[in-house]
Amino acid sequence: MKLLIRNLARTTTENELRELFEAYGSVQSCSLVMDKQTGNSKGFGFVEMPRPGEAKAAMKNLNGTMLAGQPIRVKKAEIKPEKGDTDGGTDE
């Protein structure tokens, strides 16, 4: 399950985020979204956990938790359609 983590401090690292979520289970991937021009964090990122039960536990327990002085928000990431897929994926 892919989780969206928002309201991260700009100083939070991927390692810190990974460690936070590993307390609830295995983490398949962890990435911060970076500004292409400045190279700084945009304040949000994604964590992917292969076991839905662990991901749900992490989401429930970490949402609202203070990290680097800020309350983080954790929710299930929504799957966006592929770019250029405007017809809902049907081939006609």
PDB file of N, CA and C in Angstrom:
ATOM      1  N   MET A   1       0.855  -1.170   0.000  1.00  0.00           N
ATOM      2  CA  MET A   1       0.000   0.000   0.000  1.00  0.00           C
ATOM      3  C   MET A   1       0.902   1.235   0.000  1.00  0.00           C
ATOM      4  N   LYS A   2       0.554   2.191  -0.850  1.00  0.00           N
ATOM      5  CA  LYS A   2       1.343   3.417  -0.953  1.00  0.00           C
ATOM      6  C   LYS A   2       0.692   4.505  -0.093  1.00  0.00           C
ATOM      7  N   LEU A   3       1.496   5.113   0.759  1.00  0.00           N
ATOM      8  CA  LEU A   3       1.014   6.145   1.666  1.00  0.00           C
ATOM      9  C   LEU A   3       1.595   7.506   1.289  1.00  0.00           C
ATOM     10  N   LEU A   4       0.785   8.528   1.438  1.00  0.00           N
ATOM     11  CA  LEU A   4       1.198   9.908   1.216  1.00  0.00           C
ATOM     12  C   LEU A   4       1.443  10.538   2.580  1.00  0.00           C
ATOM     13  N   ILE A   5       2.608  11.145   2.755  1.00  0.00           N
ATOM     14  CA  ILE A   5       2.949  11.804   4.014  1.00  0.00           C
ATOM     15  C   ILE A   5       3.128  13.278   3.719  1.00  0.00           C
ATOM     16  N   ARG A   6       2.320  14.113   4.370  1.00  0.00           N
ATOM     17  CA  ARG A   6       2.336  15.556   4.127  1.00  0.00           C
ATOM     18  C   ARG A   6       2.772  16.313   5.373  1.00  0.00           C
ATOM     19  N   ASN A   7       3.061  17.582   5.190  1.00  0.00           N
ATOM     20  CA  ASN A   7       3.449  18.490   6.267  1.00  0.00           C
ATOM     21  C   ASN A   7       4.776  18.096   6.912  1.00  0.00           C
ATOM     22  N   LEU A   8       5.679  17.570   6.089  1.00  0.00           N
ATOM     23  CA  LEU A   8       7.009  17.225   6.593  1.00  0.00           C
ATOM     24  C   LEU A   8       7.869  18.475   6.677  1.00  0.00           C
ATOM     25  N   ALA A   9       8.728  18.520   7.686  1.00  0.00           N
ATOM     26  CA  ALA A   9       9.710  19.595   7.763  1.00  0.00           C
ATOM     27  C   ALA A   9      10.634  19.469   6.559  1.00  0.00           C
ATOM     28  N   ARG A  10      11.065  20.587   6.030  1.00  0.00           N
ATOM     29  CA  ARG A  10      11.948  20.578   4.853  1.00  0.00           C
ATOM     30  C   ARG A  10      13.288  19.894   5.142  1.00  0.00           C
ATOM     31  N   THR A  11      13.595  19.723   6.431  1.00  0.00           N
ATOM     32  CA  THR A  11      14.864  19.108   6.832  1.00  0.00           C
ATOM     33  C   THR A  11      14.759  17.597   7.023  1.00  0.00           C
ATOM     34  N   THR A  12      13.541  17.054   6.961  1.00  0.00           N
ATOM     35  CA  THR A  12      13.348  15.615   7.147  1.00  0.00           C
ATOM     36  C   THR A  12      14.015  14.851   6.008  1.00  0.00           C
ATOM     37  N   THR A  13      14.725  13.773   6.358  1.00  0.00           N
ATOM     38  CA  THR A  13      15.412  12.965   5.344  1.00  0.00           C
ATOM     39  C   THR A  13      14.615  11.687   5.051  1.00  0.00           C
ATOM     40  N   GLU A  14      14.938  11.048   3.930  1.00  0.00           N
ATOM     41  CA  GLU A  14      14.290   9.786   3.592  1.00  0.00           C
ATOM     42  C   GLU A  14      14.600   8.719   4.647  1.00  0.00           C
ATOM     43  N   ASN A  15      15.818   8.731   5.185  1.00  0.00           N
ATOM     44  CA  ASN A  15      16.177   7.760   6.222  1.00  0.00           C
ATOM     45  C   ASN A  15      15.320   7.936   7.467  1.00  0.00           C
ATOM     46  N   GLU A  16      15.097   9.178   7.886  1.00  0.00           N
ATOM     47  CA  GLU A  16      14.259   9.434   9.060  1.00  0.00           C
ATOM     48  C   GLU A  16      12.834   8.943   8.820  1.00  0.00           C
ATOM     49  N   LEU A  17      12.319   9.209   7.639  1.00  0.00           N
ATOM     50  CA  LEU A  17      10.969   8.788   7.290  1.00  0.00           C
ATOM     51  C   LEU A  17      10.866   7.264   7.258  1.00  0.00           C
ATOM     52  N   ARG A  18      11.852   6.625   6.647  1.00  0.00           N
ATOM     53  CA  ARG A  18      11.875   5.160   6.567  1.00  0.00           C
ATOM     54  C   ARG A  18      11.900   4.555   7.969  1.00  0.00           C
ATOM     55  N   GLU A  19      12.753   5.061   8.845  1.00  0.00           N
ATOM     56  CA  GLU A  19      12.861   4.534  10.209  1.00  0.00           C
ATOM     57  C   GLU A  19      11.547   4.673  10.969  1.00  0.00           C
ATOM     58  N   LEU A  20      10.874   5.795  10.766  1.00  0.00           N
ATOM     59  CA  LEU A  20       9.602   6.045  11.436  1.00  0.00           C
ATOM     60  C   LEU A  20       8.577   4.978  11.050  1.00  0.00           C
ATOM     61  N   PHE A  21       8.505   4.660   9.752  1.00  0.00           N
ATOM     62  CA  PHE A  21       7.518   3.697   9.266  1.00  0.00           C
ATOM     63  C   PHE A  21       7.943   2.252   9.496  1.00  0.00           C
ATOM     64  N   GLU A  22       9.239   1.984   9.550  1.00  0.00           N
ATOM     65  CA  GLU A  22       9.708   0.617   9.798  1.00  0.00           C
ATOM     66  C   GLU A  22       9.320   0.108  11.178  1.00  0.00           C
ATOM     67  N   ALA A  23       8.963   0.999  12.078  1.00  0.00           N
ATOM     68  CA  ALA A  23       8.489   0.582  13.397  1.00  0.00           C
ATOM     69  C   ALA A  23       7.167  -0.182  13.287  1.00  0.00           C
ATOM     70  N   TYR A  24       6.479  -0.054  12.133  1.00  0.00           N
ATOM     71  CA  TYR A  24       5.179  -0.710  11.931  1.00  0.00           C
ATOM     72  C   TYR A  24       5.247  -1.860  10.932  1.00  0.00           C
ATOM     73  N   GLY A  25       6.411  -2.086  10.323  1.00  0.00           N
ATOM     74  CA  GLY A  25       6.545  -3.192   9.388  1.00  0.00           C
ATOM     75  C   GLY A  25       7.574  -2.901   8.314  1.00  0.00           C
ATOM     76  N   SER A  26       7.583  -3.753   7.298  1.00  0.00           N
ATOM     77  CA  SER A  26       8.584  -3.585   6.246  1.00  0.00           C
ATOM     78  C   SER A  26       8.202  -2.450   5.293  1.00  0.00           C
ATOM     79  N   VAL A  27       9.212  -1.713   4.878  1.00  0.00           N
ATOM     80  CA  VAL A  27       9.034  -0.600   3.955  1.00  0.00           C
ATOM     81  C   VAL A  27       9.674  -0.987   2.632  1.00  0.00           C
ATOM     82  N   GLN A  28       8.860  -0.995   1.582  1.00  0.00           N
ATOM     83  CA  GLN A  28       9.339  -1.362   0.251  1.00  0.00           C
ATOM     84  C   GLN A  28      10.081  -0.205  -0.396  1.00  0.00           C
ATOM     85  N   SER A  29       9.533   1.012  -0.259  1.00  0.00           N
ATOM     86  CA  SER A  29      10.196   2.192  -0.819  1.00  0.00           C
ATOM     87  C   SER A  29       9.807   3.417  -0.014  1.00  0.00           C
ATOM     88  N   CYS A  30      10.667   4.414  -0.098  1.00  0.00           N
ATOM     89  CA  CYS A  30      10.463   5.660   0.629  1.00  0.00           C
ATOM     90  C   CYS A  30      11.077   6.767  -0.212  1.00  0.00           C
ATOM     91  N   SER A  31      10.303   7.808  -0.500  1.00  0.00           N
ATOM     92  CA  SER A  31      10.857   8.899  -1.302  1.00  0.00           C
ATOM     93  C   SER A  31      10.238  10.236  -0.918  1.00  0.00           C
ATOM     94  N   LEU A  32      11.084  11.238  -0.849  1.00  0.00           N
ATOM     95  CA  LEU A  32      10.634  12.608  -0.644  1.00  0.00           C
ATOM     96  C   LEU A  32      10.489  13.258  -2.014  1.00  0.00           C
ATOM     97  N   VAL A  33       9.535  14.161  -2.142  1.00  0.00           N
ATOM     98  CA  VAL A  33       9.371  14.899  -3.389  1.00  0.00           C
ATOM     99  C   VAL A  33      10.229  16.152  -3.282  1.00  0.00           C
ATOM    100  N   MET A  34      11.129  16.286  -4.254  1.00  0.00           N
ATOM    101  CA  MET A  34      12.098  17.389  -4.224  1.00  0.00           C
ATOM    102  C   MET A  34      11.788  18.425  -5.303  1.00  0.00           C
ATOM    103  N   ASP A  35      12.081  19.677  -4.988  1.00  0.00           N
ATOM    104  CA  ASP A  35      11.955  20.761  -5.956  1.00  0.00           C
ATOM    105  C   ASP A  35      13.101  20.644  -6.955  1.00  0.00           C
ATOM    106  N   LYS A  36      12.781  20.585  -8.240  1.00  0.00           N
ATOM    107  CA  LYS A  36      13.822  20.389  -9.259  1.00  0.00           C
ATOM    108  C   LYS A  36      14.794  21.562  -9.345  1.00  0.00           C
ATOM    109  N   GLN A  37      14.317  22.763  -9.084  1.00  0.00           N
ATOM    110  CA  GLN A  37      15.185  23.940  -9.212  1.00  0.00           C
ATOM    111  C   GLN A  37      16.099  24.131  -8.008  1.00  0.00           C
ATOM    112  N   THR A  38      15.556  23.945  -6.807  1.00  0.00           N
ATOM    113  CA  THR A  38      16.358  24.208  -5.610  1.00  0.00           C
ATOM    114  C   THR A  38      16.990  22.951  -5.020  1.00  0.00           C
ATOM    115  N   GLY A  39      16.407  21.785  -5.311  1.00  0.00           N
ATOM    116  CA  GLY A  39      16.900  20.546  -4.723  1.00  0.00           C
ATOM    117  C   GLY A  39      16.418  20.338  -3.298  1.00  0.00           C
ATOM    118  N   ASN A  40      15.572  21.235  -2.802  1.00  0.00           N
ATOM    119  CA  ASN A  40      15.036  21.128  -1.447  1.00  0.00           C
ATOM    120  C   ASN A  40      13.747  20.308  -1.439  1.00  0.00           C
ATOM    121  N   SER A  41      13.444  19.732  -0.291  1.00  0.00           N
ATOM    122  CA  SER A  41      12.213  18.981  -0.126  1.00  0.00           C
ATOM    123  C   SER A  41      11.010  19.902  -0.291  1.00  0.00           C
ATOM    124  N   LYS A  42       9.948  19.366  -0.889  1.00  0.00           N
ATOM    125  CA  LYS A  42       8.703  20.128  -1.018  1.00  0.00           C
ATOM    126  C   LYS A  42       7.795  19.929   0.194  1.00  0.00           C
ATOM    127  N   GLY A  43       8.231  19.119   1.160  1.00  0.00           N
ATOM    128  CA  GLY A  43       7.456  18.943   2.387  1.00  0.00           C
ATOM    129  C   GLY A  43       6.478  17.781   2.359  1.00  0.00           C
ATOM    130  N   PHE A  44       6.607  16.910   1.351  1.00  0.00           N
ATOM    131  CA  PHE A  44       5.787  15.705   1.349  1.00  0.00           C
ATOM    132  C   PHE A  44       6.537  14.577   0.665  1.00  0.00           C
ATOM    133  N   GLY A  45       6.034  13.359   0.878  1.00  0.00           N
ATOM    134  CA  GLY A  45       6.697  12.202   0.297  1.00  0.00           C
ATOM    135  C   GLY A  45       5.788  10.997   0.319  1.00  0.00           C
ATOM    136  N   PHE A  46       6.342   9.873  -0.123  1.00  0.00           N
ATOM    137  CA  PHE A  46       5.583   8.629  -0.221  1.00  0.00           C
ATOM    138  C   PHE A  46       6.355   7.496   0.443  1.00  0.00           C
ATOM    139  N   VAL A  47       5.607   6.625   1.105  1.00  0.00           N
ATOM    140  CA  VAL A  47       6.169   5.408   1.679  1.00  0.00           C
ATOM    141  C   VAL A  47       5.308   4.268   1.172  1.00  0.00           C
ATOM    142  N   GLU A  48       5.953   3.226   0.660  1.00  0.00           N
ATOM    143  CA  GLU A  48       5.222   2.064   0.186  1.00  0.00           C
ATOM    144  C   GLU A  48       5.521   0.889   1.099  1.00  0.00           C
ATOM    145  N   MET A  49       4.443   0.294   1.619  1.00  0.00           N
ATOM    146  CA  MET A  49       4.557  -0.855   2.509  1.00  0.00           C
ATOM    147  C   MET A  49       3.811  -2.028   1.876  1.00  0.00           C
ATOM    148  N   PRO A  50       4.487  -3.181   1.693  1.00  0.00           N
ATOM    149  CA  PRO A  50       3.872  -4.295   0.965  1.00  0.00           C
ATOM    150  C   PRO A  50       2.706  -4.977   1.686  1.00  0.00           C
ATOM    151  N   ARG A  51       2.649  -4.886   2.995  1.00  0.00           N
ATOM    152  CA  ARG A  51       1.576  -5.554   3.747  1.00  0.00           C
ATOM    153  C   ARG A  51       0.521  -4.524   4.164  1.00  0.00           C
ATOM    154  N   PRO A  52      -0.705  -4.639   3.630  1.00  0.00           N
ATOM    155  CA  PRO A  52      -1.761  -3.666   3.922  1.00  0.00           C
ATOM    156  C   PRO A  52      -2.040  -3.474   5.415  1.00  0.00           C
ATOM    157  N   GLY A  53      -1.991  -4.541   6.190  1.00  0.00           N
ATOM    158  CA  GLY A  53      -2.253  -4.419   7.628  1.00  0.00           C
ATOM    159  C   GLY A  53      -1.225  -3.536   8.321  1.00  0.00           C
ATOM    160  N   GLU A  54       0.042  -3.705   7.955  1.00  0.00           N
ATOM    161  CA  GLU A  54       1.103  -2.880   8.533  1.00  0.00           C
ATOM    162  C   GLU A  54       0.957  -1.424   8.091  1.00  0.00           C
ATOM    163  N   ALA A  55       0.609  -1.235   6.818  1.00  0.00           N
ATOM    164  CA  ALA A  55       0.438   0.121   6.293  1.00  0.00           C
ATOM    165  C   ALA A  55      -0.709   0.836   7.009  1.00  0.00           C
ATOM    166  N   LYS A  56      -1.806   0.108   7.233  1.00  0.00           N
ATOM    167  CA  LYS A  56      -2.957   0.705   7.925  1.00  0.00           C
ATOM    168  C   LYS A  56      -2.606   1.057   9.364  1.00  0.00           C
ATOM    169  N   ALA A  57      -1.835   0.192  10.026  1.00  0.00           N
ATOM    170  CA  ALA A  57      -1.415   0.468  11.404  1.00  0.00           C
ATOM    171  C   ALA A  57      -0.518   1.707  11.444  1.00  0.00           C
ATOM    172  N   ALA A  58       0.397   1.803  10.484  1.00  0.00           N
ATOM    173  CA  ALA A  58       1.277   2.970  10.418  1.00  0.00           C
ATOM    174  C   ALA A  58       0.469   4.236  10.172  1.00  0.00           C
ATOM    175  N   MET A  59      -0.487   4.153   9.253  1.00  0.00           N
ATOM    176  CA  MET A  59      -1.320   5.309   8.928  1.00  0.00           C
ATOM    177  C   MET A  59      -2.109   5.772  10.165  1.00  0.00           C
ATOM    178  N   LYS A  60      -2.724   4.830  10.850  1.00  0.00           N
ATOM    179  CA  LYS A  60      -3.541   5.146  12.020  1.00  0.00           C
ATOM    180  C   LYS A  60      -2.698   5.756  13.149  1.00  0.00           C
ATOM    181  N   ASN A  61      -1.536   5.157  13.398  1.00  0.00           N
ATOM    182  CA  ASN A  61      -0.726   5.579  14.537  1.00  0.00           C
ATOM    183  C   ASN A  61       0.167   6.790  14.271  1.00  0.00           C
ATOM    184  N   LEU A  62       0.545   7.009  13.019  1.00  0.00           N
ATOM    185  CA  LEU A  62       1.465   8.111  12.725  1.00  0.00           C
ATOM    186  C   LEU A  62       0.772   9.400  12.280  1.00  0.00           C
ATOM    187  N   ASN A  63      -0.482   9.319  11.839  1.00  0.00           N
ATOM    188  CA  ASN A  63      -1.198  10.519  11.428  1.00  0.00           C
ATOM    189  C   ASN A  63      -1.339  11.453  12.628  1.00  0.00           C
ATOM    190  N   GLY A  64      -0.838  12.669  12.487  1.00  0.00           N
ATOM    191  CA  GLY A  64      -0.890  13.643  13.579  1.00  0.00           C
ATOM    192  C   GLY A  64       0.319  13.611  14.492  1.00  0.00           C
ATOM    193  N   THR A  65       1.216  12.648  14.284  1.00  0.00           N
ATOM    194  CA  THR A  65       2.432  12.534  15.095  1.00  0.00           C
ATOM    195  C   THR A  65       3.366  13.693  14.801  1.00  0.00           C
ATOM    196  N   MET A  66       4.057  14.157  15.823  1.00  0.00           N
ATOM    197  CA  MET A  66       5.031  15.234  15.650  1.00  0.00           C
ATOM    198  C   MET A  66       6.342  14.656  15.125  1.00  0.00           C
ATOM    199  N   LEU A  67       6.842  15.249  14.047  1.00  0.00           N
ATOM    200  CA  LEU A  67       8.134  14.875  13.483  1.00  0.00           C
ATOM    201  C   LEU A  67       8.855  16.165  13.147  1.00  0.00           C
ATOM    202  N   ALA A  68      10.013  16.359  13.741  1.00  0.00           N
ATOM    203  CA  ALA A  68      10.806  17.582  13.552  1.00  0.00           C
ATOM    204  C   ALA A  68       9.975  18.828  13.869  1.00  0.00           C
ATOM    205  N   GLY A  69       9.152  18.710  14.920  1.00  0.00           N
ATOM    206  CA  GLY A  69       8.380  19.861  15.386  1.00  0.00           C
ATOM    207  C   GLY A  69       7.115  20.157  14.608  1.00  0.00           C
ATOM    208  N   GLN A  70       6.722  19.268  13.691  1.00  0.00           N
ATOM    209  CA  GLN A  70       5.517  19.500  12.905  1.00  0.00           C
ATOM    210  C   GLN A  70       4.628  18.255  12.929  1.00  0.00           C
ATOM    211  N   PRO A  71       3.298  18.454  13.029  1.00  0.00           N
ATOM    212  CA  PRO A  71       2.395  17.295  12.990  1.00  0.00           C
ATOM    213  C   PRO A  71       2.245  16.805  11.545  1.00  0.00           C
ATOM    214  N   ILE A  72       2.677  15.563  11.294  1.00  0.00           N
ATOM    215  CA  ILE A  72       2.600  15.033   9.931  1.00  0.00           C
ATOM    216  C   ILE A  72       1.198  14.481   9.666  1.00  0.00           C
ATOM    217  N   ARG A  73       0.832  14.448   8.396  1.00  0.00           N
ATOM    218  CA  ARG A  73      -0.441  13.862   7.985  1.00  0.00           C
ATOM    219  C   ARG A  73      -0.145  12.655   7.096  1.00  0.00           C
ATOM    220  N   VAL A  74      -0.771  11.537   7.428  1.00  0.00           N
ATOM    221  CA  VAL A  74      -0.535  10.288   6.694  1.00  0.00           C
ATOM    222  C   VAL A  74      -1.868   9.769   6.183  1.00  0.00           C
ATOM    223  N   LYS A  75      -1.928   9.486   4.879  1.00  0.00           N
ATOM    224  CA  LYS A  75      -3.135   8.892   4.312  1.00  0.00           C
ATOM    225  C   LYS A  75      -2.755   8.014   3.128  1.00  0.00           C
ATOM    226  N   LYS A  76      -3.696   7.213   2.678  1.00  0.00           N
ATOM    227  CA  LYS A  76      -3.464   6.345   1.525  1.00  0.00           C
ATOM    228  C   LYS A  76      -3.301   7.224   0.294  1.00  0.00           C
ATOM    229  N   ALA A  77      -2.261   6.945  -0.482  1.00  0.00           N
ATOM    230  CA  ALA A  77      -2.020   7.716  -1.701  1.00  0.00           C
ATOM    231  C   ALA A  77      -3.050   7.317  -2.749  1.00  0.00           C
ATOM    232  N   GLU A  78      -3.572   8.311  -3.453  1.00  0.00           N
ATOM    233  CA  GLU A  78      -4.530   8.045  -4.521  1.00  0.00           C
ATOM    234  C   GLU A  78      -3.775   7.802  -5.807  1.00  0.00           C
ATOM    235  N   ILE A  79      -4.209   6.808  -6.554  1.00  0.00           N
ATOM    236  CA  ILE A  79      -3.567   6.468  -7.816  1.00  0.00           C
ATOM    237  C   ILE A  79      -4.083   7.414  -8.888  1.00  0.00           C
ATOM    238  N   LYS A  80      -3.151   8.139  -9.509  1.00  0.00           N
ATOM    239  CA  LYS A  80      -3.538   9.057 -10.574  1.00  0.00           C
ATOM    240  C   LYS A  80      -3.471   8.325 -11.911  1.00  0.00           C
ATOM    241  N   PRO A  81      -4.368   8.675 -12.848  1.00  0.00           N
ATOM    242  CA  PRO A  81      -4.290   8.044 -14.164  1.00  0.00           C
ATOM    243  C   PRO A  81      -3.010   8.434 -14.886  1.00  0.00           C
ATOM    244  N   GLU A  82      -2.580   7.568 -15.785  1.00  0.00           N
ATOM    245  CA  GLU A  82      -1.369   7.845 -16.559  1.00  0.00           C
ATOM    246  C   GLU A  82      -1.553   9.116 -17.366  1.00  0.00           C
ATOM    247  N   LYS A  83      -0.463   9.875 -17.543  1.00  0.00           N
ATOM    248  CA  LYS A  83      -0.535  11.068 -18.383  1.00  0.00           C
ATOM    249  C   LYS A  83      -0.920  10.669 -19.794  1.00  0.00           C
ATOM    250  N   GLY A  84      -1.831  11.419 -20.379  1.00  0.00           N
ATOM    251  CA  GLY A  84      -2.270  11.134 -21.735  1.00  0.00           C
ATOM    252  C   GLY A  84      -3.434  10.158 -21.787  1.00  0.00           C
ATOM    253  N   ASP A  85      -3.788   9.567 -20.648  1.00  0.00           N
ATOM    254  CA  ASP A  85      -4.907   8.626 -20.595  1.00  0.00           C
ATOM    255  C   ASP A  85      -6.168   9.412 -20.251  1.00  0.00           C
ATOM    256  N   THR A  86      -6.803   9.985 -21.269  1.00  0.00           N
ATOM    257  CA  THR A  86      -7.949  10.860 -21.031  1.00  0.00           C
ATOM    258  C   THR A  86      -9.284  10.164 -21.184  1.00  0.00           C
ATOM    259  N   ASP A  87      -9.292   8.952 -21.733  1.00  0.00           N
ATOM    260  CA  ASP A  87     -10.560   8.275 -21.961  1.00  0.00           C
ATOM    261  C   ASP A  87     -10.857   7.183 -20.927  1.00  0.00           C
ATOM    262  N   GLY A  88     -10.122   7.191 -19.853  1.00  0.00           N
ATOM    263  CA  GLY A  88     -10.374   6.208 -18.798  1.00  0.00           C
ATOM    264  C   GLY A  88      -9.755   4.853 -19.075  1.00  0.00           C
ATOM    265  N   GLY A  89      -8.878   4.785 -20.073  1.00  0.00           N
ATOM    266  CA  GLY A  89      -8.154   3.554 -20.321  1.00  0.00           C
ATOM    267  C   GLY A  89      -8.808   2.621 -21.320  1.00  0.00           C
ATOM    268  N   THR A  90      -9.925   3.019 -21.944  1.00  0.00           N
ATOM    269  CA  THR A  90     -10.541   2.130 -22.908  1.00  0.00           C
ATOM    270  C   THR A  90      -9.944   2.370 -24.285  1.00  0.00           C
ATOM    271  N   ASP A  91      -9.708   1.316 -25.008  1.00  0.00           N
ATOM    272  CA  ASP A  91      -9.178   1.407 -26.369  1.00  0.00           C
ATOM    273  C   ASP A  91     -10.301   1.192 -27.359  1.00  0.00           C
ATOM    274  N   GLU A  92     -10.722   2.233 -28.029  1.00  0.00           N
ATOM    275  CA  GLU A  92     -11.795   2.106 -29.017  1.00  0.00           C
ATOM    276  C   GLU A  92     -11.332   2.579 -30.350  1.00  0.00           C
TER     277      GLU A  92
END
